[in-house]
C-alpha cells in the first residue's frame, strides 16, 4: 500500500462517492476505482458497500479510515519537520 492509495481511500471515504473523490483528487474515476480495488484485493477485505451510485464504509473500511488518517498525518508531520530542517539546520544536522 502507498501513501497515494491512502489519500485516495480517504477522499472516497469522506465523500462516499467515487466520482466526487476523483474530481477532488484531479484524477480519473477509473484510476480511483482501481486504487480502491487494489486495496481491497491486497487485504482481502471489502472496504465499501456499493449503495446505488454512492459508497458506504464497511466496518473494515471504518478501521482502515482511522489508520489511513493516522498514517497520512504522520507523513505530513515528517514532511513538515524535514522542511524546517532544510530552512533552519541545527548544529547537529550541519555536523553530519
C-alpha atoms as a PDB file:
ATOM      1  CA  UNK A   1       0.000   0.000   0.000  1.00  0.00           C
ATOM      2  CA  UNK A   2       1.200   3.515  -0.738  1.00  0.00           C
ATOM      3  CA  UNK A   3       0.557   6.974   0.671  1.00  0.00           C
ATOM      4  CA  UNK A   4      -1.212   7.742  -2.597  1.00  0.00           C
ATOM      5  CA  UNK A   5      -3.591   4.825  -2.055  1.00  0.00           C
ATOM      6  CA  UNK A   6      -4.265   6.088   1.470  1.00  0.00           C
ATOM      7  CA  UNK A   7      -5.040   9.569   0.115  1.00  0.00           C
ATOM      8  CA  UNK A   8      -7.395   8.128  -2.487  1.00  0.00           C
ATOM      9  CA  UNK A   9      -9.083   5.921   0.093  1.00  0.00           C
ATOM     10  CA  UNK A  10      -9.626   8.854   2.496  1.00  0.00           C
ATOM     11  CA  UNK A  11     -11.005  11.043  -0.298  1.00  0.00           C
ATOM     12  CA  UNK A  12     -13.504   8.357  -1.304  1.00  0.00           C
ATOM     13  CA  UNK A  13     -14.455   7.588   2.309  1.00  0.00           C
ATOM     14  CA  UNK A  14     -15.039  11.242   3.162  1.00  0.00           C
ATOM     15  CA  UNK A  15     -17.178  11.884   0.083  1.00  0.00           C
ATOM     16  CA  UNK A  16     -18.804   8.434  -0.079  1.00  0.00           C
ATOM     17  CA  UNK A  17     -18.731   8.858  -3.826  1.00  0.00           C
ATOM     18  CA  UNK A  18     -16.087   7.727  -6.286  1.00  0.00           C
ATOM     19  CA  UNK A  19     -16.639  10.400  -8.945  1.00  0.00           C
ATOM     20  CA  UNK A  20     -16.636  13.234  -6.408  1.00  0.00           C
ATOM     21  CA  UNK A  21     -13.425  11.909  -4.879  1.00  0.00           C
ATOM     22  CA  UNK A  22     -11.855  11.641  -8.333  1.00  0.00           C
ATOM     23  CA  UNK A  23     -12.766  15.270  -9.063  1.00  0.00           C
ATOM     24  CA  UNK A  24     -11.288  16.420  -5.747  1.00  0.00           C
ATOM     25  CA  UNK A  25      -8.085  14.486  -6.485  1.00  0.00           C
ATOM     26  CA  UNK A  26      -7.946  15.669 -10.114  1.00  0.00           C
ATOM     27  CA  UNK A  27      -7.877  12.031 -11.144  1.00  0.00           C
ATOM     28  CA  UNK A  28      -9.876   9.837 -13.475  1.00  0.00           C
ATOM     29  CA  UNK A  29     -12.699   7.915 -11.792  1.00  0.00           C
ATOM     30  CA  UNK A  30     -11.274   4.711 -13.248  1.00  0.00           C
ATOM     31  CA  UNK A  31      -7.905   5.369 -11.540  1.00  0.00           C
ATOM     32  CA  UNK A  32      -9.639   5.989  -8.205  1.00  0.00           C
ATOM     33  CA  UNK A  33     -11.720   2.852  -8.625  1.00  0.00           C
ATOM     34  CA  UNK A  34      -8.604   0.825  -9.462  1.00  0.00           C
ATOM     35  CA  UNK A  35      -6.807   2.148  -6.382  1.00  0.00           C
ATOM     36  CA  UNK A  36      -9.693   1.130  -4.099  1.00  0.00           C
ATOM     37  CA  UNK A  37      -9.978  -2.265  -5.793  1.00  0.00           C
ATOM     38  CA  UNK A  38      -6.236  -2.840  -5.329  1.00  0.00           C
ATOM     39  CA  UNK A  39      -6.522  -2.129  -1.589  1.00  0.00           C
ATOM     40  CA  UNK A  40      -9.494  -4.469  -1.250  1.00  0.00           C
ATOM     41  CA  UNK A  41      -7.650  -7.212  -3.128  1.00  0.00           C
ATOM     42  CA  UNK A  42      -4.410  -6.690  -1.199  1.00  0.00           C
ATOM     43  CA  UNK A  43      -6.160  -7.108   2.145  1.00  0.00           C
ATOM     44  CA  UNK A  44      -8.907  -9.470   1.062  1.00  0.00           C
ATOM     45  CA  UNK A  45     -11.480  -7.187   2.673  1.00  0.00           C
ATOM     46  CA  UNK A  46     -14.398  -5.190   1.364  1.00  0.00           C
ATOM     47  CA  UNK A  47     -13.832  -1.586   2.434  1.00  0.00           C
ATOM     48  CA  UNK A  48     -17.015  -0.153   0.920  1.00  0.00           C
ATOM     49  CA  UNK A  49     -20.561  -1.268   0.324  1.00  0.00           C
ATOM     50  CA  UNK A  50     -21.831  -0.054  -3.015  1.00  0.00           C
ATOM     51  CA  UNK A  51     -25.173   1.675  -2.410  1.00  0.00           C
ATOM     52  CA  UNK A  52     -26.860   2.947  -5.562  1.00  0.00           C
ATOM     53  CA  UNK A  53     -24.442   5.480  -7.016  1.00  0.00           C
ATOM     54  CA  UNK A  54     -22.694   6.018  -3.709  1.00  0.00           C
ATOM     55  CA  UNK A  55     -20.488   4.147  -1.303  1.00  0.00           C
ATOM     56  CA  UNK A  56     -20.675   3.417   2.394  1.00  0.00           C
ATOM     57  CA  UNK A  57     -17.789   2.278   4.566  1.00  0.00           C
ATOM     58  CA  UNK A  58     -17.932  -1.257   5.848  1.00  0.00           C
ATOM     59  CA  UNK A  59     -16.762  -1.920   9.416  1.00  0.00           C
ATOM     60  CA  UNK A  60     -13.378  -2.878   7.906  1.00  0.00           C
ATOM     61  CA  UNK A  61     -13.381   0.369   5.944  1.00  0.00           C
ATOM     62  CA  UNK A  62     -14.016   2.345   9.124  1.00  0.00           C
ATOM     63  CA  UNK A  63     -10.919   0.796  10.713  1.00  0.00           C
ATOM     64  CA  UNK A  64      -8.916   1.479   7.550  1.00  0.00           C
ATOM     65  CA  UNK A  65     -10.065   5.124   7.533  1.00  0.00           C
ATOM     66  CA  UNK A  66      -8.822   5.680  11.070  1.00  0.00           C
ATOM     67  CA  UNK A  67      -5.476   4.071  10.256  1.00  0.00           C
ATOM     68  CA  UNK A  68      -5.112   5.872   6.916  1.00  0.00           C
ATOM     69  CA  UNK A  69      -5.741   9.255   8.523  1.00  0.00           C
ATOM     70  CA  UNK A  70      -3.115   8.468  11.151  1.00  0.00           C
ATOM     71  CA  UNK A  71      -0.526   7.406   8.580  1.00  0.00           C
ATOM     72  CA  UNK A  72      -1.171  10.492   6.452  1.00  0.00           C
ATOM     73  CA  UNK A  73      -0.936  12.792   9.484  1.00  0.00           C
ATOM     74  CA  UNK A  74       2.377  11.192  10.446  1.00  0.00           C
ATOM     75  CA  UNK A  75       3.703  11.527   6.881  1.00  0.00           C
ATOM     76  CA  UNK A  76       2.672  15.200   6.805  1.00  0.00           C
ATOM     77  CA  UNK A  77       4.383  15.798  10.162  1.00  0.00           C
ATOM     78  CA  UNK A  78       7.575  14.165   8.894  1.00  0.00           C
ATOM     79  CA  UNK A  79       7.472  16.244   5.711  1.00  0.00           C
ATOM     80  CA  UNK A  80       6.998  19.451   7.711  1.00  0.00           C
ATOM     81  CA  UNK A  81       9.785  18.575  10.128  1.00  0.00           C
ATOM     82  CA  UNK A  82      12.216  17.868   7.314  1.00  0.00           C
ATOM     83  CA  UNK A  83      11.240  21.111   5.577  1.00  0.00           C
ATOM     84  CA  UNK A  84      12.042  23.012   8.766  1.00  0.00           C
ATOM     85  CA  UNK A  85      15.451  21.326   8.900  1.00  0.00           C
ATOM     86  CA  UNK A  86      16.113  22.421   5.354  1.00  0.00           C
ATOM     87  CA  UNK A  87      15.371  26.066   6.152  1.00  0.00           C
ATOM     88  CA  UNK A  88      16.954  26.194   9.625  1.00  0.00           C
ATOM     89  CA  UNK A  89      19.519  23.433  10.167  1.00  0.00           C
ATOM     90  CA  UNK A  90      20.564  22.679  13.704  1.00  0.00           C
ATOM     91  CA  UNK A  91      24.206  22.332  14.765  1.00  0.00           C
ATOM     92  CA  UNK A  92      23.783  18.561  14.932  1.00  0.00           C
ATOM     93  CA  UNK A  93      22.414  18.406  11.386  1.00  0.00           C
ATOM     94  CA  UNK A  94      25.228  20.551   9.985  1.00  0.00           C
ATOM     95  CA  UNK A  95      27.890  18.317  11.546  1.00  0.00           C
ATOM     96  CA  UNK A  96      26.683  15.313   9.509  1.00  0.00           C
END
